[in-house]
């Protein structure tokens, strides 16, 4: 897991935004345990799964470790085994296209944090992963201790990203904040937001979703409140800024 280190050391920082645990359970309690009881590793390379398993066995000795080599297998495992504390999802597995696997897991199992694990590391990829609902983005080039710390941060409800942005980069912090606000939306509210981004009117959204205008207006109102937007136009601008579509 330590091979392929960057030409400059990564100074990893944890973006402590609205906790995933709090957003999912409506709690403001930050004193959670970082014990991981069950995790699912999704990667089509057995050597990578073996390396991650070894790391988890040492760092979380009482953790049950599940494995899958493809998205379909991962979904079947989650449906059969029940909830896990976290899914570690490789960016490039055979039966997904870019972030389609992440989106599918987030829609089907919205309460399970999904951490992207990848050998690819660039600004666009990280931002798109977070926009698609990833709870973190862990480069495979990180040292073992840094990977463990990243996973602990996610268990505590934070969103982890590698320090690929300058710490004084205001744009990066703004993007992270917007992504966190979007993550607080319910699946239905995200669908409505996508329609807003695509320029749909309330009556068109109501027709598309087969719901009443009152329901659509309620969703739009909730979206504006959660995104700290004063109008639907501003909500669309914020969504476009982070590539939400």
C-alpha atoms as a PDB file:
ATOM      1  CA  UNK A   1       0.000   0.000   0.000  1.00  0.00           C
ATOM      2  CA  UNK A   2       3.029   2.325   0.383  1.00  0.00           C
ATOM      3  CA  UNK A   3       4.340   1.942  -3.146  1.00  0.00           C
ATOM      4  CA  UNK A   4       4.093   4.661  -5.740  1.00  0.00           C
ATOM      5  CA  UNK A   5       4.580   7.613  -3.381  1.00  0.00           C
ATOM      6  CA  UNK A   6       4.170  11.119  -4.765  1.00  0.00           C
ATOM      7  CA  UNK A   7       7.123  13.315  -5.680  1.00  0.00           C
ATOM      8  CA  UNK A   8       6.208  15.550  -2.782  1.00  0.00           C
ATOM      9  CA  UNK A   9       4.867  14.311   0.556  1.00  0.00           C
ATOM     10  CA  UNK A  10       1.113  14.498   0.987  1.00  0.00           C
ATOM     11  CA  UNK A  11       0.148  16.593   3.987  1.00  0.00           C
ATOM     12  CA  UNK A  12      -3.265  15.118   4.540  1.00  0.00           C
ATOM     13  CA  UNK A  13      -5.938  17.232   6.098  1.00  0.00           C
ATOM     14  CA  UNK A  14      -9.393  16.216   7.217  1.00  0.00           C
ATOM     15  CA  UNK A  15     -12.237  18.524   6.257  1.00  0.00           C
ATOM     16  CA  UNK A  16     -14.322  18.492   9.420  1.00  0.00           C
ATOM     17  CA  UNK A  17     -17.705  19.441   8.029  1.00  0.00           C
ATOM     18  CA  UNK A  18     -21.206  18.327   8.918  1.00  0.00           C
ATOM     19  CA  UNK A  19     -20.730  14.779  10.296  1.00  0.00           C
ATOM     20  CA  UNK A  20     -22.183  11.972   8.201  1.00  0.00           C
ATOM     21  CA  UNK A  21     -23.416  10.291  11.366  1.00  0.00           C
ATOM     22  CA  UNK A  22     -25.197  13.462  12.470  1.00  0.00           C
ATOM     23  CA  UNK A  23     -26.719  14.046   9.044  1.00  0.00           C
ATOM     24  CA  UNK A  24     -28.048  10.521   8.846  1.00  0.00           C
ATOM     25  CA  UNK A  25     -29.313  10.268  12.401  1.00  0.00           C
ATOM     26  CA  UNK A  26     -30.119  13.865  13.276  1.00  0.00           C
ATOM     27  CA  UNK A  27     -27.703  13.857  16.198  1.00  0.00           C
ATOM     28  CA  UNK A  28     -25.110  16.439  17.189  1.00  0.00           C
ATOM     29  CA  UNK A  29     -23.121  14.021  19.283  1.00  0.00           C
ATOM     30  CA  UNK A  30     -19.479  14.036  18.223  1.00  0.00           C
ATOM     31  CA  UNK A  31     -18.298  11.577  20.865  1.00  0.00           C
ATOM     32  CA  UNK A  32     -18.589   8.465  18.747  1.00  0.00           C
ATOM     33  CA  UNK A  33     -16.436   5.404  18.835  1.00  0.00           C
ATOM     34  CA  UNK A  34     -14.009   4.861  15.995  1.00  0.00           C
ATOM     35  CA  UNK A  35     -14.324   1.093  16.263  1.00  0.00           C
ATOM     36  CA  UNK A  36     -15.108  -0.547  12.924  1.00  0.00           C
ATOM     37  CA  UNK A  37     -17.074  -3.780  13.252  1.00  0.00           C
ATOM     38  CA  UNK A  38     -17.675  -4.640   9.604  1.00  0.00           C
ATOM     39  CA  UNK A  39     -16.279  -3.304   6.336  1.00  0.00           C
ATOM     40  CA  UNK A  40     -16.660  -4.247   2.673  1.00  0.00           C
ATOM     41  CA  UNK A  41     -13.674  -3.998   0.316  1.00  0.00           C
ATOM     42  CA  UNK A  42     -14.637  -3.717  -3.361  1.00  0.00           C
ATOM     43  CA  UNK A  43     -11.719  -4.151  -5.750  1.00  0.00           C
ATOM     44  CA  UNK A  44     -11.187  -6.490  -8.692  1.00  0.00           C
ATOM     45  CA  UNK A  45      -7.514  -7.052  -7.838  1.00  0.00           C
ATOM     46  CA  UNK A  46      -7.025  -9.758  -5.206  1.00  0.00           C
ATOM     47  CA  UNK A  47      -3.583  -8.432  -4.263  1.00  0.00           C
ATOM     48  CA  UNK A  48      -5.054  -5.028  -3.443  1.00  0.00           C
ATOM     49  CA  UNK A  49      -7.829  -6.633  -1.387  1.00  0.00           C
ATOM     50  CA  UNK A  50      -5.230  -8.732   0.455  1.00  0.00           C
ATOM     51  CA  UNK A  51      -3.179  -5.641   1.245  1.00  0.00           C
ATOM     52  CA  UNK A  52      -6.192  -3.721   2.516  1.00  0.00           C
ATOM     53  CA  UNK A  53      -7.367  -6.739   4.512  1.00  0.00           C
ATOM     54  CA  UNK A  54      -3.949  -6.994   6.178  1.00  0.00           C
ATOM     55  CA  UNK A  55      -4.049  -3.307   7.039  1.00  0.00           C
ATOM     56  CA  UNK A  56      -7.554  -3.534   8.510  1.00  0.00           C
ATOM     57  CA  UNK A  57      -6.820  -6.699  10.489  1.00  0.00           C
ATOM     58  CA  UNK A  58      -3.924  -4.947  12.217  1.00  0.00           C
ATOM     59  CA  UNK A  59      -5.652  -1.603  12.770  1.00  0.00           C
ATOM     60  CA  UNK A  60      -9.175  -2.880  13.562  1.00  0.00           C
ATOM     61  CA  UNK A  61      -8.542  -6.351  15.038  1.00  0.00           C
ATOM     62  CA  UNK A  62     -12.199  -7.144  15.797  1.00  0.00           C
ATOM     63  CA  UNK A  63     -13.507  -6.011  12.427  1.00  0.00           C
ATOM     64  CA  UNK A  64     -15.302  -8.455  10.123  1.00  0.00           C
ATOM     65  CA  UNK A  65     -13.925  -7.937   6.610  1.00  0.00           C
ATOM     66  CA  UNK A  66     -16.078  -8.686   3.564  1.00  0.00           C
ATOM     67  CA  UNK A  67     -14.786  -8.640  -0.004  1.00  0.00           C
ATOM     68  CA  UNK A  68     -16.209  -8.205  -3.497  1.00  0.00           C
ATOM     69  CA  UNK A  69     -14.541  -8.075  -6.888  1.00  0.00           C
ATOM     70  CA  UNK A  70     -17.292  -6.187  -8.706  1.00  0.00           C
ATOM     71  CA  UNK A  71     -20.256  -3.904  -8.041  1.00  0.00           C
ATOM     72  CA  UNK A  72     -22.882  -6.600  -8.563  1.00  0.00           C
ATOM     73  CA  UNK A  73     -21.110  -8.807  -6.034  1.00  0.00           C
ATOM     74  CA  UNK A  74     -20.853  -5.887  -3.614  1.00  0.00           C
ATOM     75  CA  UNK A  75     -24.586  -5.151  -3.842  1.00  0.00           C
ATOM     76  CA  UNK A  76     -25.431  -8.824  -3.333  1.00  0.00           C
ATOM     77  CA  UNK A  77     -23.123  -8.958  -0.297  1.00  0.00           C
ATOM     78  CA  UNK A  78     -24.703  -5.883   1.277  1.00  0.00           C
ATOM     79  CA  UNK A  79     -28.202  -7.198   0.662  1.00  0.00           C
ATOM     80  CA  UNK A  80     -27.289 -10.582   2.154  1.00  0.00           C
ATOM     81  CA  UNK A  81     -25.042  -9.507   5.040  1.00  0.00           C
ATOM     82  CA  UNK A  82     -26.835  -6.355   6.139  1.00  0.00           C
ATOM     83  CA  UNK A  83     -25.272  -3.069   7.145  1.00  0.00           C
ATOM     84  CA  UNK A  84     -21.548  -2.428   7.234  1.00  0.00           C
ATOM     85  CA  UNK A  85     -19.724   0.491   8.820  1.00  0.00           C
ATOM     86  CA  UNK A  86     -18.034   1.438   5.573  1.00  0.00           C
ATOM     87  CA  UNK A  87     -17.497   0.417   1.949  1.00  0.00           C
ATOM     88  CA  UNK A  88     -14.040   0.852   0.421  1.00  0.00           C
ATOM     89  CA  UNK A  89     -14.724   1.145  -3.305  1.00  0.00           C
ATOM     90  CA  UNK A  90     -12.059   1.104  -5.996  1.00  0.00           C
ATOM     91  CA  UNK A  91     -12.615   3.712  -8.709  1.00  0.00           C
ATOM     92  CA  UNK A  92     -11.946   1.305 -11.585  1.00  0.00           C
ATOM     93  CA  UNK A  93     -13.808  -2.001 -11.348  1.00  0.00           C
ATOM     94  CA  UNK A  94     -15.104  -3.942 -14.373  1.00  0.00           C
ATOM     95  CA  UNK A  95     -18.866  -3.374 -14.099  1.00  0.00           C
ATOM     96  CA  UNK A  96     -18.912   0.380 -13.446  1.00  0.00           C
ATOM     97  CA  UNK A  97     -18.215   3.513 -15.435  1.00  0.00           C
ATOM     98  CA  UNK A  98     -16.310   6.098 -13.421  1.00  0.00           C
ATOM     99  CA  UNK A  99     -18.642   6.988 -10.499  1.00  0.00           C
ATOM    100  CA  UNK A 100     -21.665   4.913 -11.489  1.00  0.00           C
ATOM    101  CA  UNK A 101     -20.788   2.340  -8.820  1.00  0.00           C
ATOM    102  CA  UNK A 102     -20.557   4.999  -6.140  1.00  0.00           C
ATOM    103  CA  UNK A 103     -23.883   6.508  -7.211  1.00  0.00           C
ATOM    104  CA  UNK A 104     -25.569   3.099  -7.207  1.00  0.00           C
ATOM    105  CA  UNK A 105     -24.352   2.288  -3.696  1.00  0.00           C
ATOM    106  CA  UNK A 106     -25.333   5.719  -2.362  1.00  0.00           C
ATOM    107  CA  UNK A 107     -28.843   5.378  -3.808  1.00  0.00           C
ATOM    108  CA  UNK A 108     -29.394   1.787  -2.675  1.00  0.00           C
ATOM    109  CA  UNK A 109     -27.634   2.014   0.710  1.00  0.00           C
ATOM    110  CA  UNK A 110     -27.732   5.735   1.628  1.00  0.00           C
ATOM    111  CA  UNK A 111     -26.795   5.192   5.278  1.00  0.00           C
ATOM    112  CA  UNK A 112     -23.481   3.455   4.476  1.00  0.00           C
ATOM    113  CA  UNK A 113     -20.418   5.699   3.988  1.00  0.00           C
ATOM    114  CA  UNK A 114     -18.575   4.878   0.756  1.00  0.00           C
ATOM    115  CA  UNK A 115     -14.889   5.762   0.559  1.00  0.00           C
ATOM    116  CA  UNK A 116     -13.295   5.860  -2.885  1.00  0.00           C
ATOM    117  CA  UNK A 117      -9.882   4.165  -3.044  1.00  0.00           C
ATOM    118  CA  UNK A 118      -7.886   4.836  -6.180  1.00  0.00           C
ATOM    119  CA  UNK A 119      -4.476   5.043  -7.763  1.00  0.00           C
ATOM    120  CA  UNK A 120      -5.745   8.042  -9.745  1.00  0.00           C
ATOM    121  CA  UNK A 121      -5.293  11.379  -8.007  1.00  0.00           C
ATOM    122  CA  UNK A 122      -6.237  14.715  -9.522  1.00  0.00           C
ATOM    123  CA  UNK A 123      -8.431  17.633  -8.536  1.00  0.00           C
ATOM    124  CA  UNK A 124     -11.268  16.861 -10.923  1.00  0.00           C
ATOM    125  CA  UNK A 125     -11.519  13.202  -9.920  1.00  0.00           C
ATOM    126  CA  UNK A 126     -11.575  14.007  -6.205  1.00  0.00           C
ATOM    127  CA  UNK A 127     -14.172  16.747  -6.594  1.00  0.00           C
ATOM    128  CA  UNK A 128     -16.396  14.573  -8.781  1.00  0.00           C
ATOM    129  CA  UNK A 129     -16.187  11.737  -6.250  1.00  0.00           C
ATOM    130  CA  UNK A 130     -17.262  14.026  -3.415  1.00  0.00           C
ATOM    131  CA  UNK A 131     -20.034  15.510  -5.575  1.00  0.00           C
ATOM    132  CA  UNK A 132     -21.297  11.971  -6.231  1.00  0.00           C
ATOM    133  CA  UNK A 133     -21.550  11.341  -2.489  1.00  0.00           C
ATOM    134  CA  UNK A 134     -18.227   9.802  -1.464  1.00  0.00           C
ATOM    135  CA  UNK A 135     -17.423  10.055   2.242  1.00  0.00           C
ATOM    136  CA  UNK A 136     -13.755  10.342   1.386  1.00  0.00           C
ATOM    137  CA  UNK A 137     -11.116   9.833  -1.292  1.00  0.00           C
ATOM    138  CA  UNK A 138      -8.090   7.734  -0.311  1.00  0.00           C
ATOM    139  CA  UNK A 139      -5.159   7.462  -2.751  1.00  0.00           C
ATOM    140  CA  UNK A 140      -3.531   4.023  -2.823  1.00  0.00           C
ATOM    141  CA  UNK A 141      -0.167   5.764  -2.619  1.00  0.00           C
ATOM    142  CA  UNK A 142      -0.775   6.853   0.989  1.00  0.00           C
ATOM    143  CA  UNK A 143       1.263   5.247   3.738  1.00  0.00           C
ATOM    144  CA  UNK A 144      -0.476   2.656   5.899  1.00  0.00           C
ATOM    145  CA  UNK A 145      -0.763   4.952   8.903  1.00  0.00           C
ATOM    146  CA  UNK A 146      -2.269   7.714   6.777  1.00  0.00           C
ATOM    147  CA  UNK A 147      -4.851   5.332   5.319  1.00  0.00           C
ATOM    148  CA  UNK A 148      -5.867   4.200   8.807  1.00  0.00           C
ATOM    149  CA  UNK A 149      -6.158   7.799   9.985  1.00  0.00           C
ATOM    150  CA  UNK A 150      -8.291   8.627   6.950  1.00  0.00           C
ATOM    151  CA  UNK A 151     -10.668   5.750   7.722  1.00  0.00           C
ATOM    152  CA  UNK A 152     -10.886   6.765  11.383  1.00  0.00           C
ATOM    153  CA  UNK A 153     -11.829  10.277  10.334  1.00  0.00           C
ATOM    154  CA  UNK A 154     -14.633   8.936   8.149  1.00  0.00           C
ATOM    155  CA  UNK A 155     -15.863   6.720  10.995  1.00  0.00           C
ATOM    156  CA  UNK A 156     -16.066   9.851  13.122  1.00  0.00           C
ATOM    157  CA  UNK A 157     -18.279  11.486  10.527  1.00  0.00           C
ATOM    158  CA  UNK A 158     -15.800  13.666   8.668  1.00  0.00           C
ATOM    159  CA  UNK A 159     -15.175  13.877   4.943  1.00  0.00           C
ATOM    160  CA  UNK A 160     -11.596  12.952   4.087  1.00  0.00           C
ATOM    161  CA  UNK A 161      -9.714  14.367   1.119  1.00  0.00           C
ATOM    162  CA  UNK A 162      -5.961  14.266   0.481  1.00  0.00           C
ATOM    163  CA  UNK A 163      -4.163  17.569   0.838  1.00  0.00           C
ATOM    164  CA  UNK A 164      -3.916  18.235  -2.867  1.00  0.00           C
ATOM    165  CA  UNK A 165      -5.049  21.836  -2.424  1.00  0.00           C
ATOM    166  CA  UNK A 166      -3.145  24.628  -0.739  1.00  0.00           C
ATOM    167  CA  UNK A 167      -4.462  25.200   2.769  1.00  0.00           C
ATOM    168  CA  UNK A 168      -5.204  28.816   1.930  1.00  0.00           C
ATOM    169  CA  UNK A 169      -7.154  27.815  -1.177  1.00  0.00           C
ATOM    170  CA  UNK A 170     -10.524  29.397  -0.410  1.00  0.00           C
ATOM    171  CA  UNK A 171     -12.121  27.886  -3.505  1.00  0.00           C
ATOM    172  CA  UNK A 172     -11.316  24.361  -2.352  1.00  0.00           C
ATOM    173  CA  UNK A 173     -12.821  24.972   1.062  1.00  0.00           C
ATOM    174  CA  UNK A 174     -15.912  26.491  -0.526  1.00  0.00           C
ATOM    175  CA  UNK A 175     -16.313  23.475  -2.808  1.00  0.00           C
ATOM    176  CA  UNK A 176     -16.007  21.094   0.125  1.00  0.00           C
ATOM    177  CA  UNK A 177     -18.656  23.058   2.042  1.00  0.00           C
ATOM    178  CA  UNK A 178     -21.069  22.999  -0.907  1.00  0.00           C
ATOM    179  CA  UNK A 179     -20.585  19.250  -1.358  1.00  0.00           C
ATOM    180  CA  UNK A 180     -21.342  18.686   2.300  1.00  0.00           C
ATOM    181  CA  UNK A 181     -24.553  20.696   2.065  1.00  0.00           C
ATOM    182  CA  UNK A 182     -25.639  18.678  -0.971  1.00  0.00           C
ATOM    183  CA  UNK A 183     -24.909  15.468   0.946  1.00  0.00           C
ATOM    184  CA  UNK A 184     -27.501  16.515   3.582  1.00  0.00           C
ATOM    185  CA  UNK A 185     -30.259  16.315   0.950  1.00  0.00           C
ATOM    186  CA  UNK A 186     -32.485  13.264   0.877  1.00  0.00           C
ATOM    187  CA  UNK A 187     -32.365  11.050  -2.256  1.00  0.00           C
ATOM    188  CA  UNK A 188     -35.637  12.593  -3.490  1.00  0.00           C
ATOM    189  CA  UNK A 189     -34.363  16.118  -2.871  1.00  0.00           C
ATOM    190  CA  UNK A 190     -31.226  15.302  -4.885  1.00  0.00           C
ATOM    191  CA  UNK A 191     -33.441  14.157  -7.755  1.00  0.00           C
ATOM    192  CA  UNK A 192     -35.346  17.452  -7.606  1.00  0.00           C
ATOM    193  CA  UNK A 193     -32.067  19.390  -7.492  1.00  0.00           C
ATOM    194  CA  UNK A 194     -30.886  17.561 -10.632  1.00  0.00           C
ATOM    195  CA  UNK A 195     -34.084  18.643 -12.369  1.00  0.00           C
ATOM    196  CA  UNK A 196     -33.486  22.230 -11.234  1.00  0.00           C
ATOM    197  CA  UNK A 197     -29.945  22.069 -12.607  1.00  0.00           C
ATOM    198  CA  UNK A 198     -31.399  20.849 -15.905  1.00  0.00           C
ATOM    199  CA  UNK A 199     -33.658  23.906 -16.035  1.00  0.00           C
ATOM    200  CA  UNK A 200     -36.958  22.165 -15.285  1.00  0.00           C
ATOM    201  CA  UNK A 201     -39.902  24.163 -13.920  1.00  0.00           C
ATOM    202  CA  UNK A 202     -41.875  22.984 -10.881  1.00  0.00           C
ATOM    203  CA  UNK A 203     -44.763  21.733 -13.016  1.00  0.00           C
ATOM    204  CA  UNK A 204     -42.342  19.779 -15.216  1.00  0.00           C
ATOM    205  CA  UNK A 205     -40.670  18.222 -12.189  1.00  0.00           C
ATOM    206  CA  UNK A 206     -44.075  17.295 -10.742  1.00  0.00           C
ATOM    207  CA  UNK A 207     -44.992  15.596 -14.022  1.00  0.00           C
ATOM    208  CA  UNK A 208     -41.643  13.766 -14.290  1.00  0.00           C
ATOM    209  CA  UNK A 209     -41.808  12.464 -10.706  1.00  0.00           C
ATOM    210  CA  UNK A 210     -45.575  11.923 -10.706  1.00  0.00           C
ATOM    211  CA  UNK A 211     -46.062  14.017  -7.572  1.00  0.00           C
ATOM    212  CA  UNK A 212     -48.076  17.140  -6.742  1.00  0.00           C
ATOM    213  CA  UNK A 213     -46.864  20.704  -7.207  1.00  0.00           C
ATOM    214  CA  UNK A 214     -47.134  21.120  -3.434  1.00  0.00           C
ATOM    215  CA  UNK A 215     -44.676  18.251  -2.935  1.00  0.00           C
ATOM    216  CA  UNK A 216     -42.218  19.739  -5.428  1.00  0.00           C
ATOM    217  CA  UNK A 217     -42.428  23.160  -3.767  1.00  0.00           C
ATOM    218  CA  UNK A 218     -41.762  21.531  -0.382  1.00  0.00           C
ATOM    219  CA  UNK A 219     -38.696  19.784  -1.785  1.00  0.00           C
ATOM    220  CA  UNK A 220     -37.396  22.997  -3.365  1.00  0.00           C
ATOM    221  CA  UNK A 221     -37.896  24.865  -0.100  1.00  0.00           C
ATOM    222  CA  UNK A 222     -35.964  22.182   1.807  1.00  0.00           C
ATOM    223  CA  UNK A 223     -33.176  22.252  -0.796  1.00  0.00           C
ATOM    224  CA  UNK A 224     -32.782  26.020  -0.472  1.00  0.00           C
ATOM    225  CA  UNK A 225     -32.682  25.789   3.311  1.00  0.00           C
ATOM    226  CA  UNK A 226     -30.127  22.973   3.420  1.00  0.00           C
ATOM    227  CA  UNK A 227     -27.908  24.583   0.786  1.00  0.00           C
ATOM    228  CA  UNK A 228     -28.109  28.022   2.396  1.00  0.00           C
ATOM    229  CA  UNK A 229     -29.408  29.402  -0.899  1.00  0.00           C
ATOM    230  CA  UNK A 230     -31.832  32.326  -1.116  1.00  0.00           C
ATOM    231  CA  UNK A 231     -33.242  31.271  -4.506  1.00  0.00           C
ATOM    232  CA  UNK A 232     -33.442  28.269  -6.807  1.00  0.00           C
ATOM    233  CA  UNK A 233     -31.105  30.084  -9.189  1.00  0.00           C
ATOM    234  CA  UNK A 234     -28.443  30.321  -6.499  1.00  0.00           C
ATOM    235  CA  UNK A 235     -28.934  26.649  -5.616  1.00  0.00           C
ATOM    236  CA  UNK A 236     -28.336  25.755  -9.270  1.00  0.00           C
ATOM    237  CA  UNK A 237     -25.223  27.943  -9.385  1.00  0.00           C
ATOM    238  CA  UNK A 238     -23.824  26.232  -6.282  1.00  0.00           C
ATOM    239  CA  UNK A 239     -24.602  22.781  -7.693  1.00  0.00           C
ATOM    240  CA  UNK A 240     -22.945  23.628 -11.014  1.00  0.00           C
ATOM    241  CA  UNK A 241     -19.898  24.960  -9.184  1.00  0.00           C
ATOM    242  CA  UNK A 242     -19.107  21.481  -7.837  1.00  0.00           C
ATOM    243  CA  UNK A 243     -20.217  19.556 -10.911  1.00  0.00           C
ATOM    244  CA  UNK A 244     -23.449  18.155  -9.451  1.00  0.00           C
ATOM    245  CA  UNK A 245     -25.691  16.835 -12.224  1.00  0.00           C
END
